[in-house]
Amino acid sequence: MQEVQHRINLLVDGVPYLVEVTPYEFNTETRFKVSYNGSPEYIFTWDSELKRLAAIGDDAATLPDPLEVAIAEKLQAGKY
């Protein structure tokens, strides 16, 4: 899979976000490199407990929950 960056405009709780998404393959699954408004990069992958895509890694806790859910919904719907 060729890495191509996509941009999504989101409005979450009245706050505008410019989200940059780059899908890539990791061990035969699609993961996503995601940043918003110039933030550091987050990695999104499938979370079987949440039954949705979610940010992983040490910095995932710094991502606002409503924004994480909104990004996950767009990614799962293929709207990126």
PDB file of N, CA and C in Angstrom:
ATOM      1  N   MET A   1       0.851  -1.180   0.000  1.00  0.00           N
ATOM      2  CA  MET A   1       0.000   0.000   0.000  1.00  0.00           C
ATOM      3  C   MET A   1       0.893   1.238   0.000  1.00  0.00           C
ATOM      4  N   GLN A   2       0.623   2.120  -0.927  1.00  0.00           N
ATOM      5  CA  GLN A   2       1.367   3.378  -0.991  1.00  0.00           C
ATOM      6  C   GLN A   2       0.795   4.340   0.048  1.00  0.00           C
ATOM      7  N   GLU A   3       1.690   4.982   0.783  1.00  0.00           N
ATOM      8  CA  GLU A   3       1.239   5.925   1.806  1.00  0.00           C
ATOM      9  C   GLU A   3       0.851   7.249   1.159  1.00  0.00           C
ATOM     10  N   VAL A   4      -0.418   7.598   1.276  1.00  0.00           N
ATOM     11  CA  VAL A   4      -0.951   8.841   0.738  1.00  0.00           C
ATOM     12  C   VAL A   4      -1.645   9.579   1.871  1.00  0.00           C
ATOM     13  N   GLN A   5      -1.281  10.840   2.055  1.00  0.00           N
ATOM     14  CA  GLN A   5      -1.875  11.630   3.136  1.00  0.00           C
ATOM     15  C   GLN A   5      -3.205  12.231   2.689  1.00  0.00           C
ATOM     16  N   HIS A   6      -4.184  12.154   3.570  1.00  0.00           N
ATOM     17  CA  HIS A   6      -5.507  12.723   3.333  1.00  0.00           C
ATOM     18  C   HIS A   6      -5.782  13.759   4.416  1.00  0.00           C
ATOM     19  N   ARG A   7      -6.662  14.712   4.109  1.00  0.00           N
ATOM     20  CA  ARG A   7      -7.038  15.740   5.089  1.00  0.00           C
ATOM     21  C   ARG A   7      -8.538  15.708   5.315  1.00  0.00           C
ATOM     22  N   ILE A   8      -8.904  15.855   6.577  1.00  0.00           N
ATOM     23  CA  ILE A   8     -10.307  15.862   6.978  1.00  0.00           C
ATOM     24  C   ILE A   8     -10.543  17.109   7.825  1.00  0.00           C
ATOM     25  N   ASN A   9     -11.614  17.831   7.540  1.00  0.00           N
ATOM     26  CA  ASN A   9     -12.027  18.940   8.397  1.00  0.00           C
ATOM     27  C   ASN A   9     -13.119  18.427   9.323  1.00  0.00           C
ATOM     28  N   LEU A  10     -12.901  18.574  10.618  1.00  0.00           N
ATOM     29  CA  LEU A  10     -13.887  18.148  11.611  1.00  0.00           C
ATOM     30  C   LEU A  10     -14.244  19.319  12.517  1.00  0.00           C
ATOM     31  N   LEU A  11     -15.476  19.327  12.976  1.00  0.00           N
ATOM     32  CA  LEU A  11     -15.918  20.277  13.989  1.00  0.00           C
ATOM     33  C   LEU A  11     -16.425  19.437  15.158  1.00  0.00           C
ATOM     34  N   VAL A  12     -15.701  19.466  16.278  1.00  0.00           N
ATOM     35  CA  VAL A  12     -16.042  18.648  17.439  1.00  0.00           C
ATOM     36  C   VAL A  12     -16.242  19.575  18.634  1.00  0.00           C
ATOM     37  N   ASP A  13     -17.426  19.531  19.210  1.00  0.00           N
ATOM     38  CA  ASP A  13     -17.764  20.393  20.350  1.00  0.00           C
ATOM     39  C   ASP A  13     -17.479  21.863  20.046  1.00  0.00           C
ATOM     40  N   GLY A  14     -17.760  22.279  18.801  1.00  0.00           N
ATOM     41  CA  GLY A  14     -17.574  23.665  18.395  1.00  0.00           C
ATOM     42  C   GLY A  14     -16.143  24.053  18.074  1.00  0.00           C
ATOM     43  N   VAL A  15     -15.219  23.103  18.117  1.00  0.00           N
ATOM     44  CA  VAL A  15     -13.805  23.380  17.844  1.00  0.00           C
ATOM     45  C   VAL A  15     -13.444  22.799  16.476  1.00  0.00           C
ATOM     46  N   PRO A  16     -12.884  23.628  15.571  1.00  0.00           N
ATOM     47  CA  PRO A  16     -12.486  23.110  14.261  1.00  0.00           C
ATOM     48  C   PRO A  16     -11.136  22.389  14.334  1.00  0.00           C
ATOM     49  N   TYR A  17     -11.042  21.279  13.616  1.00  0.00           N
ATOM     50  CA  TYR A  17      -9.800  20.510  13.543  1.00  0.00           C
ATOM     51  C   TYR A  17      -9.487  20.197  12.086  1.00  0.00           C
ATOM     52  N   LEU A  18      -8.231  20.379  11.707  1.00  0.00           N
ATOM     53  CA  LEU A  18      -7.740  19.898  10.420  1.00  0.00           C
ATOM     54  C   LEU A  18      -6.956  18.635  10.737  1.00  0.00           C
ATOM     55  N   VAL A  19      -7.490  17.503  10.322  1.00  0.00           N
ATOM     56  CA  VAL A  19      -6.910  16.201  10.642  1.00  0.00           C
ATOM     57  C   VAL A  19      -6.199  15.669   9.408  1.00  0.00           C
ATOM     58  N   GLU A  20      -4.953  15.261   9.582  1.00  0.00           N
ATOM     59  CA  GLU A  20      -4.177  14.656   8.500  1.00  0.00           C
ATOM     60  C   GLU A  20      -4.061  13.166   8.778  1.00  0.00           C
ATOM     61  N   VAL A  21      -4.413  12.352   7.780  1.00  0.00           N
ATOM     62  CA  VAL A  21      -4.473  10.902   7.926  1.00  0.00           C
ATOM     63  C   VAL A  21      -3.633  10.243   6.842  1.00  0.00           C
ATOM     64  N   THR A  22      -2.792   9.286   7.246  1.00  0.00           N
ATOM     65  CA  THR A  22      -2.019   8.494   6.294  1.00  0.00           C
ATOM     66  C   THR A  22      -2.211   7.022   6.635  1.00  0.00           C
ATOM     67  N   PRO A  23      -2.961   6.280   5.789  1.00  0.00           N
ATOM     68  CA  PRO A  23      -3.112   4.846   6.035  1.00  0.00           C
ATOM     69  C   PRO A  23      -1.837   4.103   5.634  1.00  0.00           C
ATOM     70  N   TYR A  24      -1.540   3.010   6.350  1.00  0.00           N
ATOM     71  CA  TYR A  24      -0.390   2.174   5.998  1.00  0.00           C
ATOM     72  C   TYR A  24      -0.633   0.750   6.484  1.00  0.00           C
ATOM     73  N   GLU A  25       0.101  -0.198   5.916  1.00  0.00           N
ATOM     74  CA  GLU A  25      -0.024  -1.603   6.293  1.00  0.00           C
ATOM     75  C   GLU A  25       0.970  -1.948   7.389  1.00  0.00           C
ATOM     76  N   PHE A  26       0.516  -2.706   8.390  1.00  0.00           N
ATOM     77  CA  PHE A  26       1.371  -3.212   9.452  1.00  0.00           C
ATOM     78  C   PHE A  26       0.895  -4.621   9.782  1.00  0.00           C
ATOM     79  N   ASN A  27       1.727  -5.612   9.515  1.00  0.00           N
ATOM     80  CA  ASN A  27       1.356  -7.019   9.761  1.00  0.00           C
ATOM     81  C   ASN A  27      -0.003  -7.366   9.156  1.00  0.00           C
ATOM     82  N   THR A  28      -0.193  -7.015   7.914  1.00  0.00           N
ATOM     83  CA  THR A  28      -1.402  -7.284   7.117  1.00  0.00           C
ATOM     84  C   THR A  28      -2.656  -6.554   7.589  1.00  0.00           C
ATOM     85  N   GLU A  29      -2.538  -5.614   8.514  1.00  0.00           N
ATOM     86  CA  GLU A  29      -3.701  -4.814   8.891  1.00  0.00           C
ATOM     87  C   GLU A  29      -3.428  -3.356   8.540  1.00  0.00           C
ATOM     88  N   THR A  30      -4.502  -2.644   8.255  1.00  0.00           N
ATOM     89  CA  THR A  30      -4.365  -1.224   7.957  1.00  0.00           C
ATOM     90  C   THR A  30      -4.365  -0.439   9.258  1.00  0.00           C
ATOM     91  N   ARG A  31      -3.352   0.388   9.407  1.00  0.00           N
ATOM     92  CA  ARG A  31      -3.274   1.334  10.522  1.00  0.00           C
ATOM     93  C   ARG A  31      -3.250   2.732   9.936  1.00  0.00           C
ATOM     94  N   PHE A  32      -3.404   3.730  10.793  1.00  0.00           N
ATOM     95  CA  PHE A  32      -3.465   5.107  10.337  1.00  0.00           C
ATOM     96  C   PHE A  32      -2.550   5.985  11.177  1.00  0.00           C
ATOM     97  N   LYS A  33      -1.717   6.771  10.501  1.00  0.00           N
ATOM     98  CA  LYS A  33      -0.957   7.830  11.161  1.00  0.00           C
ATOM     99  C   LYS A  33      -1.862   9.053  11.128  1.00  0.00           C
ATOM    100  N   VAL A  34      -2.118   9.645  12.285  1.00  0.00           N
ATOM    101  CA  VAL A  34      -3.077  10.748  12.386  1.00  0.00           C
ATOM    102  C   VAL A  34      -2.462  11.892  13.181  1.00  0.00           C
ATOM    103  N   SER A  35      -2.618  13.102  12.670  1.00  0.00           N
ATOM    104  CA  SER A  35      -2.279  14.294  13.452  1.00  0.00           C
ATOM    105  C   SER A  35      -3.382  15.320  13.219  1.00  0.00           C
ATOM    106  N   TYR A  36      -3.500  16.260  14.144  1.00  0.00           N
ATOM    107  CA  TYR A  36      -4.530  17.289  14.000  1.00  0.00           C
ATOM    108  C   TYR A  36      -3.947  18.641  14.372  1.00  0.00           C
ATOM    109  N   ASN A  37      -4.291  19.651  13.600  1.00  0.00           N
ATOM    110  CA  ASN A  37      -3.849  21.032  13.851  1.00  0.00           C
ATOM    111  C   ASN A  37      -2.357  21.108  14.173  1.00  0.00           C
ATOM    112  N   GLY A  38      -1.538  20.316  13.481  1.00  0.00           N
ATOM    113  CA  GLY A  38      -0.087  20.351  13.673  1.00  0.00           C
ATOM    114  C   GLY A  38       0.409  19.578  14.885  1.00  0.00           C
ATOM    115  N   SER A  39      -0.428  18.720  15.452  1.00  0.00           N
ATOM    116  CA  SER A  39      -0.046  17.946  16.643  1.00  0.00           C
ATOM    117  C   SER A  39       0.978  16.869  16.288  1.00  0.00           C
ATOM    118  N   PRO A  40       1.561  16.250  17.316  1.00  0.00           N
ATOM    119  CA  PRO A  40       2.379  15.058  17.061  1.00  0.00           C
ATOM    120  C   PRO A  40       1.502  13.964  16.440  1.00  0.00           C
ATOM    121  N   GLU A  41       2.125  12.960  15.893  1.00  0.00           N
ATOM    122  CA  GLU A  41       1.421  11.885  15.203  1.00  0.00           C
ATOM    123  C   GLU A  41       0.900  10.837  16.191  1.00  0.00           C
ATOM    124  N   TYR A  42      -0.328  10.397  15.963  1.00  0.00           N
ATOM    125  CA  TYR A  42      -0.945   9.309  16.723  1.00  0.00           C
ATOM    126  C   TYR A  42      -1.142   8.139  15.768  1.00  0.00           C
ATOM    127  N   ILE A  43      -1.101   6.933  16.292  1.00  0.00           N
ATOM    128  CA  ILE A  43      -1.362   5.745  15.491  1.00  0.00           C
ATOM    129  C   ILE A  43      -2.728   5.195  15.884  1.00  0.00           C
ATOM    130  N   PHE A  44      -3.593   5.004  14.880  1.00  0.00           N
ATOM    131  CA  PHE A  44      -4.907   4.417  15.097  1.00  0.00           C
ATOM    132  C   PHE A  44      -4.907   3.000  14.545  1.00  0.00           C
ATOM    133  N   THR A  45      -5.447   2.083  15.323  1.00  0.00           N
ATOM    134  CA  THR A  45      -5.605   0.694  14.910  1.00  0.00           C
ATOM    135  C   THR A  45      -6.880   0.146  15.545  1.00  0.00           C
ATOM    136  N   TRP A  46      -7.289  -1.049  15.100  1.00  0.00           N
ATOM    137  CA  TRP A  46      -8.519  -1.640  15.619  1.00  0.00           C
ATOM    138  C   TRP A  46      -8.337  -2.053  17.072  1.00  0.00           C
ATOM    139  N   ASP A  47      -9.290  -1.667  17.914  1.00  0.00           N
ATOM    140  CA  ASP A  47      -9.301  -2.058  19.320  1.00  0.00           C
ATOM    141  C   ASP A  47     -10.469  -3.020  19.509  1.00  0.00           C
ATOM    142  N   SER A  48     -10.173  -4.288  19.757  1.00  0.00           N
ATOM    143  CA  SER A  48     -11.230  -5.298  19.850  1.00  0.00           C
ATOM    144  C   SER A  48     -12.114  -5.115  21.086  1.00  0.00           C
ATOM    145  N   GLU A  49     -11.600  -4.489  22.138  1.00  0.00           N
ATOM    146  CA  GLU A  49     -12.433  -4.238  23.322  1.00  0.00           C
ATOM    147  C   GLU A  49     -13.435  -3.117  23.066  1.00  0.00           C
ATOM    148  N   LEU A  50     -12.972  -2.038  22.415  1.00  0.00           N
ATOM    149  CA  LEU A  50     -13.863  -0.917  22.102  1.00  0.00           C
ATOM    150  C   LEU A  50     -14.723  -1.194  20.874  1.00  0.00           C
ATOM    151  N   LYS A  51     -14.295  -2.156  20.056  1.00  0.00           N
ATOM    152  CA  LYS A  51     -14.956  -2.492  18.791  1.00  0.00           C
ATOM    153  C   LYS A  51     -14.984  -1.301  17.837  1.00  0.00           C
ATOM    154  N   ARG A  52     -13.847  -0.586  17.822  1.00  0.00           N
ATOM    155  CA  ARG A  52     -13.678   0.537  16.897  1.00  0.00           C
ATOM    156  C   ARG A  52     -12.190   0.844  16.788  1.00  0.00           C
ATOM    157  N   LEU A  53     -11.860   1.684  15.833  1.00  0.00           N
ATOM    158  CA  LEU A  53     -10.487   2.158  15.743  1.00  0.00           C
ATOM    159  C   LEU A  53     -10.201   3.064  16.936  1.00  0.00           C
ATOM    160  N   ALA A  54      -8.972   3.030  17.421  1.00  0.00           N
ATOM    161  CA  ALA A  54      -8.588   3.857  18.563  1.00  0.00           C
ATOM    162  C   ALA A  54      -7.105   4.178  18.474  1.00  0.00           C
ATOM    163  N   ALA A  55      -6.717   5.269  19.115  1.00  0.00           N
ATOM    164  CA  ALA A  55      -5.304   5.649  19.173  1.00  0.00           C
ATOM    165  C   ALA A  55      -4.587   4.728  20.152  1.00  0.00           C
ATOM    166  N   ILE A  56      -3.346   4.358  19.807  1.00  0.00           N
ATOM    167  CA  ILE A  56      -2.542   3.505  20.681  1.00  0.00           C
ATOM    168  C   ILE A  56      -1.240   4.216  21.015  1.00  0.00           C
ATOM    169  N   GLY A  57      -0.540   3.706  22.004  1.00  0.00           N
ATOM    170  CA  GLY A  57       0.764   4.252  22.359  1.00  0.00           C
ATOM    171  C   GLY A  57       0.696   5.155  23.573  1.00  0.00           C
ATOM    172  N   ASP A  58       1.879   5.565  24.014  1.00  0.00           N
ATOM    173  CA  ASP A  58       1.998   6.378  25.225  1.00  0.00           C
ATOM    174  C   ASP A  58       1.272   7.714  25.127  1.00  0.00           C
ATOM    175  N   ASP A  59       1.269   8.327  23.944  1.00  0.00           N
ATOM    176  CA  ASP A  59       0.670   9.652  23.785  1.00  0.00           C
ATOM    177  C   ASP A  59      -0.834   9.611  23.536  1.00  0.00           C
ATOM    178  N   ALA A  60      -1.404   8.430  23.382  1.00  0.00           N
ATOM    179  CA  ALA A  60      -2.828   8.320  23.066  1.00  0.00           C
ATOM    180  C   ALA A  60      -3.703   8.994  24.119  1.00  0.00           C
ATOM    181  N   ALA A  61      -3.253   9.007  25.364  1.00  0.00           N
ATOM    182  CA  ALA A  61      -4.043   9.609  26.446  1.00  0.00           C
ATOM    183  C   ALA A  61      -4.166  11.121  26.305  1.00  0.00           C
ATOM    184  N   THR A  62      -3.291  11.746  25.512  1.00  0.00           N
ATOM    185  CA  THR A  62      -3.350  13.202  25.342  1.00  0.00           C
ATOM    186  C   THR A  62      -4.356  13.623  24.271  1.00  0.00           C
ATOM    187  N   LEU A  63      -4.866  12.674  23.512  1.00  0.00           N
ATOM    188  CA  LEU A  63      -5.847  12.961  22.466  1.00  0.00           C
ATOM    189  C   LEU A  63      -7.221  13.110  23.118  1.00  0.00           C
ATOM    190  N   PRO A  64      -7.907  14.253  22.912  1.00  0.00           N
ATOM    191  CA  PRO A  64      -9.233  14.429  23.518  1.00  0.00           C
ATOM    192  C   PRO A  64     -10.194  13.313  23.081  1.00  0.00           C
ATOM    193  N   ASP A  65     -10.914  12.725  24.033  1.00  0.00           N
ATOM    194  CA  ASP A  65     -11.804  11.596  23.742  1.00  0.00           C
ATOM    195  C   ASP A  65     -12.821  11.887  22.638  1.00  0.00           C
ATOM    196  N   PRO A  66     -13.532  13.029  22.674  1.00  0.00           N
ATOM    197  CA  PRO A  66     -14.505  13.284  21.608  1.00  0.00           C
ATOM    198  C   PRO A  66     -13.848  13.373  20.222  1.00  0.00           C
ATOM    199  N   LEU A  67     -12.641  13.906  20.170  1.00  0.00           N
ATOM    200  CA  LEU A  67     -11.932  13.987  18.894  1.00  0.00           C
ATOM    201  C   LEU A  67     -11.514  12.596  18.434  1.00  0.00           C
ATOM    202  N   GLU A  68     -11.034  11.764  19.347  1.00  0.00           N
ATOM    203  CA  GLU A  68     -10.640  10.397  18.987  1.00  0.00           C
ATOM    204  C   GLU A  68     -11.820   9.634  18.400  1.00  0.00           C
ATOM    205  N   VAL A  69     -12.981   9.757  19.023  1.00  0.00           N
ATOM    206  CA  VAL A  69     -14.178   9.069  18.543  1.00  0.00           C
ATOM    207  C   VAL A  69     -14.577   9.596  17.165  1.00  0.00           C
ATOM    208  N   ALA A  70     -14.547  10.905  16.970  1.00  0.00           N
ATOM    209  CA  ALA A  70     -14.917  11.497  15.678  1.00  0.00           C
ATOM    210  C   ALA A  70     -13.965  11.043  14.573  1.00  0.00           C
ATOM    211  N   ILE A  71     -12.672  11.016  14.866  1.00  0.00           N
ATOM    212  CA  ILE A  71     -11.690  10.553  13.879  1.00  0.00           C
ATOM    213  C   ILE A  71     -11.930   9.079  13.565  1.00  0.00           C
ATOM    214  N   ALA A  72     -12.120   8.269  14.601  1.00  0.00           N
ATOM    215  CA  ALA A  72     -12.352   6.833  14.408  1.00  0.00           C
ATOM    216  C   ALA A  72     -13.581   6.586  13.540  1.00  0.00           C
ATOM    217  N   GLU A  73     -14.653   7.340  13.764  1.00  0.00           N
ATOM    218  CA  GLU A  73     -15.873   7.176  12.966  1.00  0.00           C
ATOM    219  C   GLU A  73     -15.611   7.471  11.497  1.00  0.00           C
ATOM    220  N   LYS A  74     -14.871   8.541  11.218  1.00  0.00           N
ATOM    221  CA  LYS A  74     -14.544   8.887   9.825  1.00  0.00           C
ATOM    222  C   LYS A  74     -13.679   7.806   9.189  1.00  0.00           C
ATOM    223  N   LEU A  75     -12.672   7.336   9.922  1.00  0.00           N
ATOM    224  CA  LEU A  75     -11.780   6.316   9.380  1.00  0.00           C
ATOM    225  C   LEU A  75     -12.533   5.021   9.106  1.00  0.00           C
ATOM    226  N   GLN A  76     -13.373   4.596  10.036  1.00  0.00           N
ATOM    227  CA  GLN A  76     -14.130   3.365   9.860  1.00  0.00           C
ATOM    228  C   GLN A  76     -15.113   3.458   8.705  1.00  0.00           C
ATOM    229  N   ALA A  77     -15.647   4.634   8.467  1.00  0.00           N
ATOM    230  CA  ALA A  77     -16.588   4.833   7.365  1.00  0.00           C
ATOM    231  C   ALA A  77     -15.865   4.984   6.027  1.00  0.00           C
ATOM    232  N   GLY A  78     -14.536   5.056   6.073  1.00  0.00           N
ATOM    233  CA  GLY A  78     -13.764   5.235   4.845  1.00  0.00           C
ATOM    234  C   GLY A  78     -13.823   6.647   4.307  1.00  0.00           C
ATOM    235  N   LYS A  79     -14.201   7.611   5.147  1.00  0.00           N
ATOM    236  CA  LYS A  79     -14.357   9.007   4.716  1.00  0.00           C
ATOM    237  C   LYS A  79     -13.127   9.814   5.087  1.00  0.00           C
ATOM    238  N   TYR A  80     -12.031   9.510   4.403  1.00  0.00           N
ATOM    239  CA  TYR A  80     -10.784  10.232   4.624  1.00  0.00           C
ATOM    240  C   TYR A  80     -10.100  10.473   3.311  1.00  0.00           C
TER     241      TYR A  80
END
